Amino acid sequence: MKEKEIRELLASREGIATLNPMQEQMLRTSAEKRDIILLSPTGSGKTLAFSITVLRHIAPTCGHIQAVIMARSRELVIQIAGVIRQIATGYKVTALYGGHSMSDEVSSLSVCPDIVVATPGRLLDHLRRGQVDLRRVAILVLDEYDKSLELGFIDEMRRIIKRITGPSTVVLTSATPIDT
């Protein structure tokens, strides 16, 4: 999606007339296909910022998963999926997380989603069962990647990332301040 389309979509769907400086920077940076590290405090609008990047890098619905967003907790997955559903008009968004009915998730995967938002453990479970195919994912977002690593998700994340054959863009986000 082009910058103008994203701005119009945000204005019409969310009533967002202006983005904050960090979101503006993500909008400009995401125009290029490259890896991005987004460090910004909690409550600063990171979810919207990386959602903009996702929209910039996916094609119209095409019958395979185009974007994967991993988050460390069920609450974050639900929050992120809610934000993306609001702005990703015309795309199917599926949330996968522990404590959610596996049969409901399998049913939601029966029509291939464009965007998957998941906890690492649940996404790996679906991969092992052959219910998702990540080979053609264009963009991978690891939200609060540092916290995910601290919580011990490194092995699951490695296994998942090995199944993604060359995403054009990887976004890592963190709210943890960097000591200087």
N, C-alpha and C. Protein backbone atom coordinates (compact mmCIF):
# COMPACT_ATOMS: atom_id res chain seq x y z
N MET A 1 0.84 -1.17 0.00
CA MET A 1 0.00 0.00 0.00
C MET A 1 0.89 1.25 0.00
N LYS A 2 0.46 2.24 -0.68
CA LYS A 2 1.23 3.48 -0.76
C LYS A 2 0.91 4.38 0.43
N GLU A 3 1.81 5.33 0.68
CA GLU A 3 1.67 6.22 1.83
C GLU A 3 0.33 6.95 1.83
N LYS A 4 -0.06 7.47 0.69
CA LYS A 4 -1.33 8.21 0.60
C LYS A 4 -2.51 7.30 0.95
N GLU A 5 -2.50 6.07 0.45
CA GLU A 5 -3.58 5.12 0.75
C GLU A 5 -3.65 4.82 2.24
N ILE A 6 -2.49 4.66 2.86
CA ILE A 6 -2.45 4.37 4.29
C ILE A 6 -3.00 5.55 5.08
N ARG A 7 -2.60 6.75 4.73
CA ARG A 7 -3.10 7.94 5.43
C ARG A 7 -4.63 8.06 5.29
N GLU A 8 -5.13 7.83 4.07
CA GLU A 8 -6.58 7.89 3.84
C GLU A 8 -7.31 6.80 4.64
N LEU A 9 -6.75 5.61 4.66
CA LEU A 9 -7.33 4.50 5.41
C LEU A 9 -7.39 4.82 6.90
N LEU A 10 -6.30 5.32 7.46
CA LEU A 10 -6.26 5.67 8.88
C LEU A 10 -7.26 6.77 9.21
N ALA A 11 -7.38 7.74 8.32
CA ALA A 11 -8.32 8.84 8.56
C ALA A 11 -9.76 8.34 8.51
N SER A 12 -10.07 7.49 7.53
CA SER A 12 -11.46 7.05 7.38
C SER A 12 -11.85 5.97 8.40
N ARG A 13 -10.95 5.04 8.69
CA ARG A 13 -11.28 3.93 9.59
C ARG A 13 -11.07 4.24 11.06
N GLU A 14 -10.03 5.03 11.35
CA GLU A 14 -9.66 5.28 12.74
C GLU A 14 -9.79 6.74 13.15
N GLY A 15 -10.09 7.62 12.21
CA GLY A 15 -10.17 9.03 12.54
C GLY A 15 -8.82 9.64 12.88
N ILE A 16 -7.75 9.02 12.39
CA ILE A 16 -6.40 9.50 12.68
C ILE A 16 -5.98 10.43 11.54
N ALA A 17 -5.96 11.71 11.84
CA ALA A 17 -5.59 12.70 10.83
C ALA A 17 -4.08 12.90 10.75
N THR A 18 -3.42 12.76 11.90
CA THR A 18 -1.97 12.92 11.92
C THR A 18 -1.35 11.79 12.74
N LEU A 19 -0.18 11.38 12.32
CA LEU A 19 0.58 10.37 13.04
C LEU A 19 1.57 11.08 13.96
N ASN A 20 1.97 10.40 15.04
CA ASN A 20 2.99 11.00 15.90
C ASN A 20 4.35 10.88 15.21
N PRO A 21 5.38 11.57 15.68
CA PRO A 21 6.68 11.56 15.00
C PRO A 21 7.26 10.16 14.77
N MET A 22 7.14 9.28 15.74
CA MET A 22 7.66 7.92 15.59
C MET A 22 6.91 7.17 14.48
N GLN A 23 5.60 7.31 14.44
CA GLN A 23 4.80 6.66 13.40
C GLN A 23 5.11 7.24 12.02
N GLU A 24 5.32 8.55 11.94
CA GLU A 24 5.71 9.19 10.68
C GLU A 24 7.04 8.61 10.19
N GLN A 25 7.98 8.46 11.11
CA GLN A 25 9.29 7.91 10.75
C GLN A 25 9.13 6.47 10.24
N MET A 26 8.28 5.67 10.88
CA MET A 26 8.06 4.29 10.43
C MET A 26 7.41 4.28 9.05
N LEU A 27 6.49 5.19 8.81
CA LEU A 27 5.84 5.27 7.51
C LEU A 27 6.87 5.55 6.41
N ARG A 28 7.77 6.47 6.68
CA ARG A 28 8.81 6.80 5.69
C ARG A 28 9.82 5.65 5.55
N THR A 29 10.26 5.11 6.68
CA THR A 29 11.26 4.05 6.66
C THR A 29 10.72 2.79 6.00
N SER A 30 9.46 2.51 6.21
CA SER A 30 8.88 1.27 5.69
C SER A 30 8.67 1.30 4.18
N ALA A 31 8.87 2.45 3.56
CA ALA A 31 8.73 2.53 2.11
C ALA A 31 9.81 1.69 1.42
N GLU A 32 10.92 1.49 2.12
CA GLU A 32 12.00 0.67 1.59
C GLU A 32 11.88 -0.72 2.20
N LYS A 33 12.21 -1.73 1.44
CA LYS A 33 12.16 -3.09 1.97
C LYS A 33 13.48 -3.36 2.68
N ARG A 34 13.42 -3.28 4.03
CA ARG A 34 14.61 -3.53 4.83
C ARG A 34 14.20 -3.87 6.24
N ASP A 35 15.18 -4.25 7.01
CA ASP A 35 14.92 -4.61 8.40
C ASP A 35 14.87 -3.35 9.26
N ILE A 36 13.99 -3.39 10.27
CA ILE A 36 13.75 -2.21 11.09
C ILE A 36 13.76 -2.62 12.56
N ILE A 37 14.42 -1.83 13.39
CA ILE A 37 14.34 -1.99 14.84
C ILE A 37 13.61 -0.75 15.36
N LEU A 38 12.52 -0.99 16.06
CA LEU A 38 11.69 0.09 16.58
C LEU A 38 11.76 0.08 18.11
N LEU A 39 12.42 1.08 18.67
CA LEU A 39 12.53 1.23 20.12
C LEU A 39 11.71 2.44 20.52
N SER A 40 10.67 2.20 21.31
CA SER A 40 9.80 3.29 21.71
C SER A 40 9.06 2.87 22.98
N PRO A 41 8.78 3.82 23.88
CA PRO A 41 8.14 3.46 25.14
C PRO A 41 6.73 2.87 24.97
N THR A 42 6.32 2.15 25.99
CA THR A 42 4.97 1.63 26.04
C THR A 42 3.98 2.79 25.92
N GLY A 43 2.93 2.59 25.13
CA GLY A 43 1.91 3.62 24.97
C GLY A 43 2.23 4.65 23.91
N SER A 44 3.31 4.45 23.15
CA SER A 44 3.73 5.45 22.16
C SER A 44 3.13 5.22 20.78
N GLY A 45 2.42 4.11 20.60
CA GLY A 45 1.81 3.85 19.30
C GLY A 45 2.60 2.91 18.41
N LYS A 46 3.44 2.06 19.04
CA LYS A 46 4.25 1.11 18.26
C LYS A 46 3.39 0.16 17.44
N THR A 47 2.28 -0.31 18.00
CA THR A 47 1.45 -1.27 17.28
C THR A 47 0.95 -0.67 15.97
N LEU A 48 0.46 0.54 16.02
CA LEU A 48 0.02 1.20 14.79
C LEU A 48 1.20 1.40 13.84
N ALA A 49 2.36 1.75 14.39
CA ALA A 49 3.55 1.99 13.55
C ALA A 49 3.95 0.73 12.80
N PHE A 50 4.04 -0.41 13.48
CA PHE A 50 4.45 -1.60 12.74
C PHE A 50 3.31 -2.15 11.89
N SER A 51 2.07 -1.84 12.24
CA SER A 51 0.94 -2.24 11.39
C SER A 51 0.99 -1.51 10.05
N ILE A 52 1.40 -0.26 10.08
CA ILE A 52 1.59 0.52 8.86
C ILE A 52 2.63 -0.17 7.98
N THR A 53 3.70 -0.61 8.60
CA THR A 53 4.77 -1.30 7.87
C THR A 53 4.25 -2.60 7.26
N VAL A 54 3.43 -3.33 8.00
CA VAL A 54 2.85 -4.56 7.46
C VAL A 54 2.03 -4.24 6.21
N LEU A 55 1.18 -3.23 6.30
CA LEU A 55 0.35 -2.86 5.15
C LEU A 55 1.19 -2.41 3.95
N ARG A 56 2.34 -1.80 4.21
CA ARG A 56 3.21 -1.37 3.12
C ARG A 56 3.81 -2.55 2.36
N HIS A 57 3.94 -3.70 3.03
CA HIS A 57 4.71 -4.81 2.45
C HIS A 57 3.90 -6.04 2.05
N ILE A 58 2.60 -5.98 2.17
CA ILE A 58 1.82 -7.13 1.72
C ILE A 58 1.05 -6.77 0.46
N ALA A 59 0.83 -7.80 -0.32
CA ALA A 59 0.09 -7.65 -1.58
C ALA A 59 -1.40 -7.83 -1.31
N PRO A 60 -2.24 -7.58 -2.29
CA PRO A 60 -3.65 -7.92 -2.11
C PRO A 60 -3.78 -9.40 -1.74
N THR A 61 -4.90 -9.75 -1.14
CA THR A 61 -5.13 -11.13 -0.72
C THR A 61 -4.73 -12.10 -1.83
N CYS A 62 -3.91 -13.10 -1.45
CA CYS A 62 -3.36 -13.98 -2.49
C CYS A 62 -3.35 -15.45 -2.12
N GLY A 63 -4.01 -15.85 -1.05
CA GLY A 63 -4.14 -17.26 -0.74
C GLY A 63 -3.00 -17.86 0.07
N HIS A 64 -2.10 -17.03 0.58
CA HIS A 64 -1.07 -17.54 1.49
C HIS A 64 -0.78 -16.49 2.56
N ILE A 65 -0.18 -16.94 3.64
CA ILE A 65 0.15 -16.03 4.73
C ILE A 65 1.26 -15.10 4.26
N GLN A 66 1.01 -13.80 4.37
CA GLN A 66 1.98 -12.80 3.91
C GLN A 66 2.72 -12.13 5.06
N ALA A 67 2.11 -12.09 6.24
CA ALA A 67 2.73 -11.42 7.38
C ALA A 67 2.52 -12.24 8.64
N VAL A 68 3.57 -12.32 9.45
CA VAL A 68 3.49 -12.96 10.76
C VAL A 68 3.96 -11.95 11.79
N ILE A 69 3.15 -11.80 12.82
CA ILE A 69 3.50 -10.94 13.95
C ILE A 69 3.50 -11.83 15.18
N MET A 70 4.65 -11.93 15.83
CA MET A 70 4.73 -12.73 17.06
C MET A 70 4.83 -11.80 18.26
N ALA A 71 4.08 -12.16 19.29
CA ALA A 71 4.10 -11.41 20.54
C ALA A 71 4.18 -12.40 21.69
N ARG A 72 4.65 -11.94 22.82
CA ARG A 72 4.97 -12.83 23.94
C ARG A 72 3.78 -13.32 24.75
N SER A 73 2.64 -12.66 24.63
CA SER A 73 1.51 -13.06 25.48
C SER A 73 0.19 -13.04 24.72
N ARG A 74 -0.75 -13.77 25.23
CA ARG A 74 -2.08 -13.81 24.65
C ARG A 74 -2.70 -12.42 24.62
N GLU A 75 -2.50 -11.63 25.68
CA GLU A 75 -3.07 -10.28 25.75
C GLU A 75 -2.52 -9.39 24.64
N LEU A 76 -1.22 -9.47 24.40
CA LEU A 76 -0.63 -8.68 23.32
C LEU A 76 -1.14 -9.13 21.97
N VAL A 77 -1.25 -10.44 21.77
CA VAL A 77 -1.76 -10.97 20.49
C VAL A 77 -3.16 -10.43 20.24
N ILE A 78 -4.01 -10.48 21.24
CA ILE A 78 -5.39 -10.00 21.10
C ILE A 78 -5.41 -8.50 20.78
N GLN A 79 -4.58 -7.73 21.49
CA GLN A 79 -4.52 -6.28 21.26
C GLN A 79 -4.03 -5.97 19.85
N ILE A 80 -2.95 -6.60 19.43
CA ILE A 80 -2.38 -6.35 18.11
C ILE A 80 -3.36 -6.75 17.02
N ALA A 81 -3.97 -7.93 17.16
CA ALA A 81 -4.93 -8.39 16.15
C ALA A 81 -6.09 -7.41 16.04
N GLY A 82 -6.53 -6.86 17.15
CA GLY A 82 -7.61 -5.89 17.13
C GLY A 82 -7.24 -4.63 16.36
N VAL A 83 -6.04 -4.12 16.58
CA VAL A 83 -5.58 -2.92 15.87
C VAL A 83 -5.48 -3.21 14.37
N ILE A 84 -4.88 -4.32 14.03
CA ILE A 84 -4.68 -4.64 12.61
C ILE A 84 -6.01 -4.89 11.92
N ARG A 85 -6.93 -5.57 12.57
CA ARG A 85 -8.25 -5.80 11.95
C ARG A 85 -8.94 -4.49 11.61
N GLN A 86 -8.75 -3.48 12.44
CA GLN A 86 -9.40 -2.19 12.21
C GLN A 86 -8.88 -1.50 10.95
N ILE A 87 -7.59 -1.68 10.66
CA ILE A 87 -7.03 -0.94 9.52
C ILE A 87 -6.73 -1.80 8.30
N ALA A 88 -6.69 -3.11 8.46
CA ALA A 88 -6.32 -3.99 7.34
C ALA A 88 -7.56 -4.39 6.54
N THR A 89 -8.21 -3.41 5.98
CA THR A 89 -9.42 -3.62 5.20
C THR A 89 -9.15 -4.56 4.03
N GLY A 90 -9.97 -5.59 3.92
CA GLY A 90 -9.83 -6.53 2.81
C GLY A 90 -8.86 -7.66 3.07
N TYR A 91 -8.23 -7.69 4.24
CA TYR A 91 -7.29 -8.76 4.58
C TYR A 91 -7.86 -9.59 5.73
N LYS A 92 -7.60 -10.89 5.69
CA LYS A 92 -8.02 -11.76 6.78
C LYS A 92 -6.90 -11.81 7.81
N VAL A 93 -7.24 -11.50 9.06
CA VAL A 93 -6.31 -11.50 10.18
C VAL A 93 -6.73 -12.59 11.15
N THR A 94 -5.79 -13.46 11.51
CA THR A 94 -6.08 -14.55 12.44
C THR A 94 -5.16 -14.45 13.65
N ALA A 95 -5.73 -14.61 14.84
CA ALA A 95 -4.96 -14.60 16.09
C ALA A 95 -4.85 -16.03 16.62
N LEU A 96 -3.63 -16.43 16.98
CA LEU A 96 -3.37 -17.77 17.50
C LEU A 96 -2.63 -17.63 18.83
N TYR A 97 -3.21 -18.20 19.89
CA TYR A 97 -2.60 -18.08 21.21
C TYR A 97 -3.11 -19.16 22.15
N GLY A 98 -2.32 -19.50 23.12
CA GLY A 98 -2.70 -20.50 24.11
C GLY A 98 -3.90 -20.04 24.92
N GLY A 99 -4.70 -21.00 25.37
CA GLY A 99 -5.90 -20.68 26.12
C GLY A 99 -7.09 -20.41 25.22
N HIS A 100 -6.87 -20.46 23.93
CA HIS A 100 -7.91 -20.27 22.92
C HIS A 100 -8.23 -21.64 22.35
N SER A 101 -9.45 -21.88 21.99
CA SER A 101 -9.85 -23.18 21.46
C SER A 101 -9.06 -23.52 20.20
N MET A 102 -8.37 -24.66 20.24
CA MET A 102 -7.60 -25.10 19.07
C MET A 102 -8.53 -25.37 17.90
N SER A 103 -9.71 -25.93 18.15
CA SER A 103 -10.63 -26.20 17.04
C SER A 103 -11.13 -24.90 16.41
N ASP A 104 -11.33 -23.85 17.20
CA ASP A 104 -11.70 -22.55 16.64
C ASP A 104 -10.58 -21.99 15.78
N GLU A 105 -9.34 -22.16 16.25
CA GLU A 105 -8.21 -21.67 15.47
C GLU A 105 -8.06 -22.44 14.16
N VAL A 106 -8.20 -23.75 14.23
CA VAL A 106 -8.11 -24.57 13.01
C VAL A 106 -9.19 -24.13 12.02
N SER A 107 -10.38 -23.88 12.54
CA SER A 107 -11.47 -23.41 11.69
C SER A 107 -11.12 -22.07 11.06
N SER A 108 -10.52 -21.16 11.84
CA SER A 108 -10.16 -19.85 11.30
C SER A 108 -9.05 -19.95 10.26
N LEU A 109 -8.29 -21.04 10.29
CA LEU A 109 -7.22 -21.25 9.30
C LEU A 109 -7.71 -21.97 8.05
N SER A 110 -8.97 -22.41 8.05
CA SER A 110 -9.48 -23.15 6.89
C SER A 110 -9.48 -22.29 5.63
N VAL A 111 -9.71 -20.99 5.79
CA VAL A 111 -9.49 -20.04 4.70
C VAL A 111 -8.21 -19.32 5.09
N CYS A 112 -7.19 -19.46 4.27
CA CYS A 112 -5.86 -18.97 4.62
C CYS A 112 -5.86 -17.48 4.94
N PRO A 113 -5.36 -17.13 6.13
CA PRO A 113 -5.27 -15.70 6.47
C PRO A 113 -4.13 -15.03 5.73
N ASP A 114 -4.22 -13.72 5.61
CA ASP A 114 -3.14 -12.92 5.05
C ASP A 114 -2.13 -12.56 6.13
N ILE A 115 -2.66 -12.32 7.33
CA ILE A 115 -1.85 -11.88 8.46
C ILE A 115 -2.14 -12.78 9.66
N VAL A 116 -1.07 -13.31 10.27
CA VAL A 116 -1.20 -14.13 11.47
C VAL A 116 -0.52 -13.39 12.61
N VAL A 117 -1.25 -13.24 13.71
CA VAL A 117 -0.71 -12.67 14.94
C VAL A 117 -0.74 -13.80 15.96
N ALA A 118 0.43 -14.13 16.54
CA ALA A 118 0.47 -15.34 17.37
C ALA A 118 1.54 -15.27 18.45
N THR A 119 1.33 -16.08 19.47
CA THR A 119 2.40 -16.34 20.43
C THR A 119 3.30 -17.41 19.79
N PRO A 120 4.59 -17.39 20.13
CA PRO A 120 5.50 -18.35 19.50
C PRO A 120 5.09 -19.81 19.73
N GLY A 121 4.71 -20.16 20.94
CA GLY A 121 4.35 -21.54 21.23
C GLY A 121 3.16 -22.03 20.43
N ARG A 122 2.12 -21.22 20.33
CA ARG A 122 0.93 -21.64 19.60
C ARG A 122 1.19 -21.70 18.10
N LEU A 123 1.95 -20.74 17.58
CA LEU A 123 2.28 -20.78 16.16
C LEU A 123 3.10 -22.02 15.83
N LEU A 124 4.05 -22.36 16.68
CA LEU A 124 4.86 -23.56 16.47
C LEU A 124 3.98 -24.81 16.52
N ASP A 125 3.01 -24.83 17.40
CA ASP A 125 2.07 -25.96 17.48
C ASP A 125 1.32 -26.13 16.16
N HIS A 126 0.84 -25.05 15.59
CA HIS A 126 0.13 -25.12 14.30
C HIS A 126 1.08 -25.53 13.17
N LEU A 127 2.31 -25.08 13.23
CA LEU A 127 3.31 -25.50 12.23
C LEU A 127 3.53 -27.01 12.30
N ARG A 128 3.71 -27.52 13.50
CA ARG A 128 3.95 -28.96 13.68
C ARG A 128 2.77 -29.79 13.17
N ARG A 129 1.58 -29.26 13.29
CA ARG A 129 0.38 -29.97 12.84
C ARG A 129 0.12 -29.78 11.35
N GLY A 130 0.94 -28.97 10.70
CA GLY A 130 0.78 -28.73 9.26
C GLY A 130 -0.39 -27.83 8.92
N GLN A 131 -0.82 -26.99 9.86
CA GLN A 131 -1.99 -26.15 9.65
C GLN A 131 -1.66 -24.76 9.11
N VAL A 132 -0.37 -24.40 9.11
CA VAL A 132 0.06 -23.13 8.54
C VAL A 132 1.32 -23.36 7.71
N ASP A 133 1.48 -22.56 6.70
CA ASP A 133 2.65 -22.60 5.82
C ASP A 133 3.24 -21.20 5.79
N LEU A 134 4.47 -21.09 6.27
CA LEU A 134 5.10 -19.77 6.39
C LEU A 134 6.16 -19.52 5.32
N ARG A 135 6.26 -20.39 4.35
CA ARG A 135 7.35 -20.27 3.37
C ARG A 135 7.30 -18.97 2.56
N ARG A 136 6.13 -18.38 2.38
CA ARG A 136 6.03 -17.20 1.52
C ARG A 136 5.70 -15.92 2.28
N VAL A 137 6.02 -15.91 3.56
CA VAL A 137 5.79 -14.72 4.39
C VAL A 137 6.71 -13.60 3.91
N ALA A 138 6.14 -12.43 3.67
CA ALA A 138 6.89 -11.27 3.19
C ALA A 138 7.43 -10.41 4.33
N ILE A 139 6.70 -10.38 5.45
CA ILE A 139 7.12 -9.53 6.57
C ILE A 139 6.92 -10.27 7.88
N LEU A 140 7.95 -10.18 8.71
CA LEU A 140 7.94 -10.79 10.04
C LEU A 140 8.13 -9.68 11.06
N VAL A 141 7.23 -9.62 12.04
CA VAL A 141 7.34 -8.65 13.12
C VAL A 141 7.48 -9.42 14.43
N LEU A 142 8.52 -9.11 15.18
CA LEU A 142 8.71 -9.69 16.51
C LEU A 142 8.49 -8.57 17.51
N ASP A 143 7.27 -8.52 18.06
CA ASP A 143 6.92 -7.45 18.99
C ASP A 143 7.51 -7.76 20.35
N GLU A 144 8.10 -6.76 20.97
CA GLU A 144 8.76 -6.91 22.27
C GLU A 144 9.69 -8.12 22.25
N TYR A 145 10.51 -8.18 21.18
CA TYR A 145 11.39 -9.33 20.97
C TYR A 145 12.30 -9.59 22.16
N ASP A 146 12.78 -8.53 22.82
CA ASP A 146 13.68 -8.70 23.96
C ASP A 146 12.98 -9.40 25.12
N LYS A 147 11.74 -9.03 25.38
CA LYS A 147 10.97 -9.68 26.45
C LYS A 147 10.67 -11.13 26.09
N SER A 148 10.40 -11.39 24.81
CA SER A 148 10.15 -12.77 24.37
C SER A 148 11.38 -13.64 24.61
N LEU A 149 12.55 -13.08 24.34
CA LEU A 149 13.79 -13.83 24.58
C LEU A 149 14.01 -14.05 26.08
N GLU A 150 13.75 -13.02 26.88
CA GLU A 150 13.88 -13.14 28.33
C GLU A 150 12.94 -14.21 28.89
N LEU A 151 11.78 -14.34 28.30
CA LEU A 151 10.80 -15.32 28.77
C LEU A 151 11.08 -16.73 28.26
N GLY A 152 12.14 -16.91 27.49
CA GLY A 152 12.55 -18.24 27.07
C GLY A 152 11.95 -18.73 25.76
N PHE A 153 11.48 -17.81 24.92
CA PHE A 153 10.88 -18.22 23.64
C PHE A 153 11.91 -18.37 22.51
N ILE A 154 13.20 -18.32 22.84
CA ILE A 154 14.21 -18.31 21.78
C ILE A 154 14.15 -19.57 20.90
N ASP A 155 13.99 -20.75 21.50
CA ASP A 155 13.95 -21.98 20.70
C ASP A 155 12.74 -22.01 19.77
N GLU A 156 11.57 -21.63 20.31
CA GLU A 156 10.36 -21.61 19.49
C GLU A 156 10.51 -20.60 18.35
N MET A 157 11.04 -19.43 18.66
CA MET A 157 11.20 -18.39 17.64
C MET A 157 12.18 -18.84 16.56
N ARG A 158 13.26 -19.50 16.95
CA ARG A 158 14.22 -20.02 15.95
C ARG A 158 13.55 -21.02 15.03
N ARG A 159 12.79 -21.95 15.59
CA ARG A 159 12.11 -22.96 14.78
C ARG A 159 11.14 -22.32 13.79
N ILE A 160 10.44 -21.33 14.25
CA ILE A 160 9.47 -20.64 13.38
C ILE A 160 10.20 -19.88 12.28
N ILE A 161 11.21 -19.13 12.65
CA ILE A 161 11.93 -18.31 11.68
C ILE A 161 12.58 -19.17 10.61
N LYS A 162 13.03 -20.37 10.96
CA LYS A 162 13.62 -21.29 9.97
C LYS A 162 12.60 -21.67 8.89
N ARG A 163 11.32 -21.62 9.21
CA ARG A 163 10.27 -21.97 8.25
C ARG A 163 9.91 -20.82 7.31
N ILE A 164 10.38 -19.63 7.63
CA ILE A 164 10.11 -18.45 6.80
C ILE A 164 11.30 -18.27 5.88
N THR A 165 11.08 -18.49 4.60
CA THR A 165 12.21 -18.46 3.66
C THR A 165 12.40 -17.07 3.05
N GLY A 166 13.14 -16.27 3.79
CA GLY A 166 13.54 -14.98 3.24
C GLY A 166 12.51 -13.90 3.21
N PRO A 167 12.00 -13.47 4.37
CA PRO A 167 11.07 -12.33 4.34
C PRO A 167 11.80 -11.09 3.82
N SER A 168 11.09 -10.24 3.11
CA SER A 168 11.71 -9.02 2.59
C SER A 168 11.94 -7.99 3.69
N THR A 169 11.15 -8.09 4.76
CA THR A 169 11.28 -7.13 5.86
C THR A 169 11.09 -7.85 7.20
N VAL A 170 11.95 -7.49 8.16
CA VAL A 170 11.82 -7.97 9.53
C VAL A 170 11.79 -6.74 10.42
N VAL A 171 10.81 -6.70 11.32
CA VAL A 171 10.68 -5.59 12.26
C VAL A 171 10.80 -6.15 13.68
N LEU A 172 11.72 -5.60 14.45
CA LEU A 172 11.87 -5.94 15.87
C LEU A 172 11.41 -4.73 16.66
N THR A 173 10.55 -4.94 17.65
CA THR A 173 10.12 -3.82 18.48
C THR A 173 10.50 -4.08 19.93
N SER A 174 10.70 -2.99 20.66
CA SER A 174 11.00 -3.07 22.09
C SER A 174 10.55 -1.79 22.76
N ALA A 175 10.09 -1.93 24.00
CA ALA A 175 9.75 -0.77 24.82
C ALA A 175 10.78 -0.59 25.92
N THR A 176 11.78 -1.48 25.95
CA THR A 176 12.79 -1.43 27.00
C THR A 176 13.79 -0.32 26.70
N PRO A 177 13.99 0.60 27.66
CA PRO A 177 14.95 1.67 27.44
C PRO A 177 16.37 1.12 27.27
N ILE A 178 17.14 1.77 26.42
CA ILE A 178 18.53 1.38 26.21
C ILE A 178 19.40 2.24 27.11
N ASP A 179 20.24 1.59 27.90
CA ASP A 179 21.18 2.34 28.73
C ASP A 179 22.29 2.89 27.86
N THR A 180 22.60 4.15 28.04
CA THR A 180 23.67 4.77 27.25
C THR A 180 24.87 5.10 28.09
